[in-house]
Amino acid sequence: MSETIAVEARLDSDGRVTPLSVTWQGHSRTVADVGRSWVEMRDGVPYRHIRVMLPNSDRLELALNQHTLTWELVQAWTTPTAG
């Protein structure tokens, strides 16, 4: 899975990127928690991977292309809904 995703993020003075919200599946969702992050090279381009948790406990792995500054959804772990 790899799809373009809209992410609102804060860039700190030390270069740290913190996602604040994502627009996914047609809905804007606040990021409840930010987990680990790491950089991977893909075709000579550095991607900053960041794992986030949404308020409903869905977890997403996001990747920021550090050349184009576009975000991708790499993987999603969703919480089953009752009913």
Protein backbone atom coordinates (compact mmCIF):
# COMPACT_ATOMS: atom_id res chain seq x y z
CA MET A 1 0.00 0.00 0.00
CA SER A 2 1.30 3.42 -0.86
CA GLU A 3 -1.06 6.30 -1.57
CA THR A 4 -0.72 10.05 -1.38
CA ILE A 5 -2.22 11.46 1.82
CA ALA A 6 -2.72 15.01 3.09
CA VAL A 7 -0.90 15.67 6.37
CA GLU A 8 -0.77 18.83 8.47
CA ALA A 9 2.51 18.82 10.36
CA ARG A 10 4.72 21.02 12.50
CA LEU A 11 8.40 21.49 11.68
CA ASP A 12 10.41 22.19 14.83
CA SER A 13 13.56 24.31 14.88
CA ASP A 14 15.64 21.13 15.38
CA GLY A 15 14.25 19.67 12.14
CA ARG A 16 11.80 17.27 13.78
CA VAL A 17 8.54 16.76 11.86
CA THR A 18 5.41 16.16 13.95
CA PRO A 19 2.16 15.21 12.18
CA LEU A 20 -0.85 17.02 13.71
CA SER A 21 -3.70 15.76 11.50
CA VAL A 22 -4.32 13.66 8.40
CA THR A 23 -7.03 13.65 5.76
CA TRP A 24 -7.73 9.99 5.11
CA GLN A 25 -10.73 8.22 3.60
CA GLY A 26 -12.38 11.59 3.04
CA HIS A 27 -12.17 12.70 6.68
CA SER A 28 -9.80 15.00 8.54
CA ARG A 29 -8.55 13.27 11.68
CA THR A 30 -6.44 14.63 14.51
CA VAL A 31 -3.29 12.70 15.39
CA ALA A 32 -3.65 11.46 18.97
CA ASP A 33 -0.09 10.16 19.40
CA VAL A 34 3.16 10.02 17.47
CA GLY A 35 5.33 6.92 17.65
CA ARG A 36 8.74 6.08 16.30
CA SER A 37 10.28 7.62 13.20
CA TRP A 38 13.15 6.68 10.93
CA VAL A 39 14.60 7.52 7.52
CA GLU A 40 14.76 5.09 4.60
CA MET A 41 16.33 5.72 1.21
CA ARG A 42 14.23 4.82 -1.86
CA ASP A 43 15.80 5.35 -5.30
CA GLY A 44 18.24 7.83 -3.78
CA VAL A 45 15.47 9.83 -2.09
CA PRO A 46 15.24 10.04 1.72
CA TYR A 47 11.80 9.29 3.18
CA ARG A 48 11.01 10.16 6.81
CA HIS A 49 8.69 7.41 8.11
CA ILE A 50 6.52 8.26 11.11
CA ARG A 51 3.99 6.05 12.90
CA VAL A 52 0.93 7.81 14.28
CA MET A 53 -2.20 6.82 16.20
CA LEU A 54 -5.62 8.35 15.58
CA PRO A 55 -8.24 8.91 18.34
CA ASN A 56 -10.12 5.71 17.38
CA SER A 57 -6.88 3.67 17.81
CA ASP A 58 -6.26 3.29 14.06
CA ARG A 59 -2.51 3.37 13.43
CA LEU A 60 -0.85 4.71 10.29
CA GLU A 61 2.65 4.61 8.92
CA LEU A 62 3.30 7.84 7.02
CA ALA A 63 6.29 8.64 4.83
CA LEU A 64 7.44 12.15 3.90
CA ASN A 65 9.40 12.40 0.66
CA GLN A 66 12.11 14.80 1.76
CA HIS A 67 12.75 16.03 -1.80
CA THR A 68 9.16 16.84 -2.86
CA LEU A 69 7.70 17.27 0.67
CA THR A 70 4.76 15.04 -0.24
CA TRP A 71 3.32 12.47 2.14
CA GLU A 72 2.41 8.84 1.49
CA LEU A 73 0.37 6.39 3.51
CA VAL A 74 2.60 3.32 3.66
CA GLN A 75 0.50 1.06 5.90
CA ALA A 76 -2.66 1.26 8.02
CA TRP A 77 -3.78 -0.84 10.96
CA THR A 78 -7.47 -0.23 11.58
CA THR A 79 -9.61 -1.01 14.59
CA PRO A 80 -12.62 -3.21 13.79
CA THR A 81 -15.96 -1.54 14.38
CA ALA A 82 -18.81 -3.29 16.13
CA GLY A 83 -21.97 -3.92 14.37
